[in-house]
C-alpha atoms as a PDB file:
ATOM      1  CA  MET A   1      75.890 220.046   8.809  1.00  0.00           C
ATOM      2  CA  CYS A   2      78.783 216.968   8.228  1.00  0.00           C
ATOM      3  CA  ILE A   3      78.733 214.538   5.631  1.00  0.00           C
ATOM      4  CA  ARG A   4      80.214 211.181   6.670  1.00  0.00           C
ATOM      5  CA  ASP A   5      81.088 208.628   4.814  1.00  0.00           C
ATOM      6  CA  SER A   6      78.750 205.486   5.884  1.00  0.00           C
ATOM      7  CA  LEU A   7      81.237 202.767   5.928  1.00  0.00           C
ATOM      8  CA  LYS A   8      83.862 204.575   7.966  1.00  0.00           C
ATOM      9  CA  MET A   9      81.859 207.107   9.944  1.00  0.00           C
ATOM     10  CA  LYS A  10      84.447 209.814   9.226  1.00  0.00           C
ATOM     11  CA  HIS A  11      83.583 213.513   8.147  1.00  0.00           C
ATOM     12  CA  SER A  12      84.267 213.246   4.406  1.00  0.00           C
ATOM     13  CA  VAL A  13      83.086 216.628   3.971  1.00  0.00           C
ATOM     14  CA  LYS A  14      81.817 219.739   6.882  1.00  0.00           C
ATOM     15  CA  LEU A  15      79.024 222.037   4.995  1.00  0.00           C
ATOM     16  CA  GLY A  16      78.138 225.091   7.110  1.00  0.00           C
ATOM     17  CA  ILE A  17      75.647 227.830   7.060  1.00  0.00           C
ATOM     18  CA  GLU A  18      76.625 231.221   7.987  1.00  0.00           C
ATOM     19  CA  ASN A  19      73.794 233.097  10.340  1.00  0.00           C
ATOM     20  CA  TYR A  20      72.575 230.187  11.132  1.00  0.00           C
ATOM     21  CA  SER A  21      69.520 231.012  13.393  1.00  0.00           C
ATOM     22  CA  ALA A  22      66.865 229.014  15.178  1.00  0.00           C
ATOM     23  CA  ASN A  23      64.576 229.574  12.478  1.00  0.00           C
ATOM     24  CA  SER A  24      67.148 228.292   9.873  1.00  0.00           C
ATOM     25  CA  GLN A  25      66.586 224.564  10.760  1.00  0.00           C
ATOM     26  CA  ILE A  26      66.656 221.625   7.894  1.00  0.00           C
ATOM     27  CA  ASN A  27      63.560 220.177   7.313  1.00  0.00           C
ATOM     28  CA  LYS A  28      64.423 218.403   4.274  1.00  0.00           C
ATOM     29  CA  LEU A  29      67.487 217.919   1.722  1.00  0.00           C
ATOM     30  CA  ALA A  30      67.953 216.264  -1.078  1.00  0.00           C
ATOM     31  CA  TYR A  31      71.308 215.304  -3.138  1.00  0.00           C
ATOM     32  CA  HIS A  32      71.000 217.144  -7.269  1.00  0.00           C
ATOM     33  CA  GLU A  33      73.081 214.303  -8.781  1.00  0.00           C
ATOM     34  CA  ALA A  34      73.443 216.385 -12.142  1.00  0.00           C
ATOM     35  CA  MET A  35      74.031 219.612 -10.359  1.00  0.00           C
ATOM     36  CA  ASN A  36      76.401 218.435  -7.615  1.00  0.00           C
ATOM     37  CA  VAL A  37      74.479 219.942  -5.388  1.00  0.00           C
ATOM     38  CA  LEU A  38      73.075 219.490  -1.847  1.00  0.00           C
ATOM     39  CA  VAL A  39      69.574 221.483  -2.046  1.00  0.00           C
ATOM     40  CA  LEU A  40      68.536 222.207   1.724  1.00  0.00           C
ATOM     41  CA  GLY A  41      64.805 223.391   2.437  1.00  0.00           C
ATOM     42  CA  HIS A  42      64.380 225.014   5.581  1.00  0.00           C
ATOM     43  CA  GLU A  43      62.036 226.291   8.295  1.00  0.00           C
ATOM     44  CA  ASP A  44      62.540 229.796   7.443  1.00  0.00           C
ATOM     45  CA  ARG A  45      61.259 229.924   3.732  1.00  0.00           C
ATOM     46  CA  GLN A  46      64.636 229.238   2.485  1.00  0.00           C
ATOM     47  CA  LEU A  47      66.032 226.725  -0.218  1.00  0.00           C
ATOM     48  CA  ARG A  48      69.658 226.717   0.114  1.00  0.00           C
ATOM     49  CA  PHE A  49      71.876 225.182  -2.324  1.00  0.00           C
ATOM     50  CA  LEU A  50      75.527 223.925  -1.159  1.00  0.00           C
ATOM     51  CA  ASP A  51      78.346 222.650  -3.218  1.00  0.00           C
ATOM     52  CA  ILE A  52      78.521 219.311  -2.392  1.00  0.00           C
ATOM     53  CA  ASN A  53      83.117 219.049  -3.104  1.00  0.00           C
ATOM     54  CA  THR A  54      84.056 222.479  -1.203  1.00  0.00           C
ATOM     55  CA  GLY A  55      80.572 222.812   1.239  1.00  0.00           C
ATOM     56  CA  LYS A  56      80.156 226.304   0.305  1.00  0.00           C
ATOM     57  CA  LEU A  57      76.405 228.086  -0.284  1.00  0.00           C
ATOM     58  CA  ILE A  58      76.206 228.678  -4.062  1.00  0.00           C
ATOM     59  CA  LYS A  59      73.013 230.542  -3.819  1.00  0.00           C
ATOM     60  CA  SER A  60      69.934 231.107  -0.802  1.00  0.00           C
ATOM     61  CA  MET A  61      66.756 232.415  -1.608  1.00  0.00           C
ATOM     62  CA  VAL A  62      62.987 232.344  -0.444  1.00  0.00           C
ATOM     63  CA  ALA A  63      61.153 230.038  -1.650  1.00  0.00           C
ATOM     64  CA  HIS A  64      57.802 230.075  -0.188  1.00  0.00           C
ATOM     65  CA  THR A  65      55.458 231.823   2.413  1.00  0.00           C
ATOM     66  CA  ASP A  66      56.169 229.388   5.075  1.00  0.00           C
ATOM     67  CA  ALA A  67      58.593 226.467   6.074  1.00  0.00           C
ATOM     68  CA  VAL A  68      59.894 224.683   3.208  1.00  0.00           C
ATOM     69  CA  SER A  69      58.704 220.586   3.874  1.00  0.00           C
ATOM     70  CA  SER A  70      59.918 219.023   0.970  1.00  0.00           C
ATOM     71  CA  ILE A  71      62.033 218.646  -2.099  1.00  0.00           C
ATOM     72  CA  VAL A  72      62.700 216.053  -5.030  1.00  0.00           C
ATOM     73  CA  GLY A  73      65.089 216.607  -7.615  1.00  0.00           C
ATOM     74  CA  TYR A  74      64.443 215.501 -11.070  1.00  0.00           C
ATOM     75  CA  ASN A  75      65.622 215.890 -14.754  1.00  0.00           C
ATOM     76  CA  GLN A  76      68.995 217.380 -15.181  1.00  0.00           C
ATOM     77  CA  TYR A  77      67.905 220.974 -14.356  1.00  0.00           C
ATOM     78  CA  PHE A  78      64.651 220.913 -12.330  1.00  0.00           C
ATOM     79  CA  LEU A  79      63.606 220.404  -8.611  1.00  0.00           C
ATOM     80  CA  SER A  80      60.460 220.651  -7.185  1.00  0.00           C
ATOM     81  CA  SER A  81      59.824 221.988  -3.602  1.00  0.00           C
ATOM     82  CA  ALA A  82      56.347 221.934  -0.936  1.00  0.00           C
ATOM     83  CA  SER A  83      55.782 223.866   1.678  1.00  0.00           C
ATOM     84  CA  HIS A  84      53.386 224.372   4.537  1.00  0.00           C
ATOM     85  CA  ASP A  85      51.799 227.524   2.761  1.00  0.00           C
ATOM     86  CA  GLY A  86      50.103 224.226   0.765  1.00  0.00           C
ATOM     87  CA  SER A  87      52.260 225.316  -2.405  1.00  0.00           C
ATOM     88  CA  VAL A  88      54.495 223.010  -4.794  1.00  0.00           C
ATOM     89  CA  ARG A  89      56.794 224.892  -6.992  1.00  0.00           C
ATOM     90  CA  THR A  90      59.009 223.920  -9.549  1.00  0.00           C
ATOM     91  CA  TRP A  91      62.460 225.313  -9.886  1.00  0.00           C
ATOM     92  CA  ASP A  92      64.730 225.744 -12.736  1.00  0.00           C
ATOM     93  CA  LEU A  93      68.456 225.523 -11.254  1.00  0.00           C
ATOM     94  CA  ARG A  94      70.431 227.304 -13.754  1.00  0.00           C
ATOM     95  CA  LYS A  95      68.727 230.650 -13.225  1.00  0.00           C
ATOM     96  CA  TYR A  96      67.317 229.693  -9.537  1.00  0.00           C
ATOM     97  CA  GLN A  97      63.796 230.935 -11.025  1.00  0.00           C
ATOM     98  CA  CYS A  98      60.246 229.607 -10.520  1.00  0.00           C
ATOM     99  CA  LEU A  99      58.798 227.810 -13.362  1.00  0.00           C
ATOM    100  CA  HIS A 100      55.663 226.747 -12.210  1.00  0.00           C
ATOM    101  CA  GLU A 101      53.436 227.149  -8.991  1.00  0.00           C
ATOM    102  CA  ILE A 102      50.851 224.907  -7.926  1.00  0.00           C
ATOM    103  CA  PRO A 103      49.207 226.992  -5.237  1.00  0.00           C
ATOM    104  CA  VAL A 104      47.087 224.698  -3.413  1.00  0.00           C
ATOM    105  CA  ALA A 105      48.124 221.512  -3.631  1.00  0.00           C
ATOM    106  CA  ASN A 106      46.954 220.303  -0.286  1.00  0.00           C
ATOM    107  CA  LYS A 107      44.905 222.214   2.157  1.00  0.00           C
ATOM    108  CA  LYS A 108      46.620 223.602   5.753  1.00  0.00           C
ATOM    109  CA  LYS A 109      45.776 221.378   8.973  1.00  0.00           C
ATOM    110  CA  TYR A 110      47.008 222.254  12.470  1.00  0.00           C
ATOM    111  CA  ASP A 111      49.201 225.050  10.703  1.00  0.00           C
ATOM    112  CA  GLU A 112      50.874 222.331   8.509  1.00  0.00           C
ATOM    113  CA  ALA A 113      50.398 221.643   4.845  1.00  0.00           C
ATOM    114  CA  ILE A 114      52.426 219.426   2.890  1.00  0.00           C
ATOM    115  CA  HIS A 115      54.567 216.809   4.490  1.00  0.00           C
ATOM    116  CA  CYS A 116      56.230 214.661   1.256  1.00  0.00           C
ATOM    117  CA  LEU A 117      57.161 215.149  -2.204  1.00  0.00           C
ATOM    118  CA  SER A 118      58.008 212.473  -4.530  1.00  0.00           C
ATOM    119  CA  TYR A 119      58.504 212.416  -8.351  1.00  0.00           C
ATOM    120  CA  HIS A 120      57.763 209.000 -10.636  1.00  0.00           C
ATOM    121  CA  ASN A 121      60.688 209.395 -13.761  1.00  0.00           C
ATOM    122  CA  SER A 122      58.761 207.257 -15.965  1.00  0.00           C
ATOM    123  CA  THR A 123      55.269 208.783 -15.799  1.00  0.00           C
ATOM    124  CA  SER A 124      56.354 212.676 -14.848  1.00  0.00           C
ATOM    125  CA  TRP A 125      53.794 211.880 -12.097  1.00  0.00           C
ATOM    126  CA  LEU A 126      54.686 214.767  -9.317  1.00  0.00           C
ATOM    127  CA  MET A 127      52.777 213.557  -5.836  1.00  0.00           C
ATOM    128  CA  THR A 128      52.162 215.002  -2.805  1.00  0.00           C
ATOM    129  CA  GLY A 129      51.167 214.232   0.961  1.00  0.00           C
ATOM    130  CA  GLY A 130      49.938 216.392   3.215  1.00  0.00           C
ATOM    131  CA  ALA A 131      48.814 217.101   6.686  1.00  0.00           C
ATOM    132  CA  ASP A 132      44.730 216.999   5.271  1.00  0.00           C
ATOM    133  CA  GLY A 133      45.660 212.705   4.846  1.00  0.00           C
ATOM    134  CA  ILE A 134      45.281 213.225   1.404  1.00  0.00           C
ATOM    135  CA  ILE A 135      47.489 212.036  -1.448  1.00  0.00           C
ATOM    136  CA  LYS A 136      47.487 214.013  -4.671  1.00  0.00           C
ATOM    137  CA  ILE A 137      49.130 213.133  -8.193  1.00  0.00           C
ATOM    138  CA  PHE A 138      49.846 215.903 -10.527  1.00  0.00           C
ATOM    139  CA  ASN A 139      51.025 215.267 -14.470  1.00  0.00           C
ATOM    140  CA  SER A 140      54.264 217.543 -14.396  1.00  0.00           C
ATOM    141  CA  ALA A 141      55.142 216.625 -18.351  1.00  0.00           C
END
């Protein structure tokens, strides 16, 4: 994966993941500004955290029981991830620990569940959109 300077279209930083396989495809990425990391959600159920300055892998962990489909960072140390297993999990990035899980945020349809995840800062709403065609809003406060 490469990060490009959008104005000059030159590679600014090249980020790599060792032992890349077909199941490691990146489904979603998000930059977490407070932690200065790029968070990647993969088909192989992993969340991977890359140092944006060095391009080195900081942490890799199994985050869900199916593919990670969406990621949203909020607050200073928190991140939520969604998966085709239908769950949403909230993580503490200081410890890489799951703090909370919504086990069935959206139901599976055609082997997929949640496609998108969004967070609204002023209301603390965590919103999901899924293969079931339903938008769900959760109060994460």
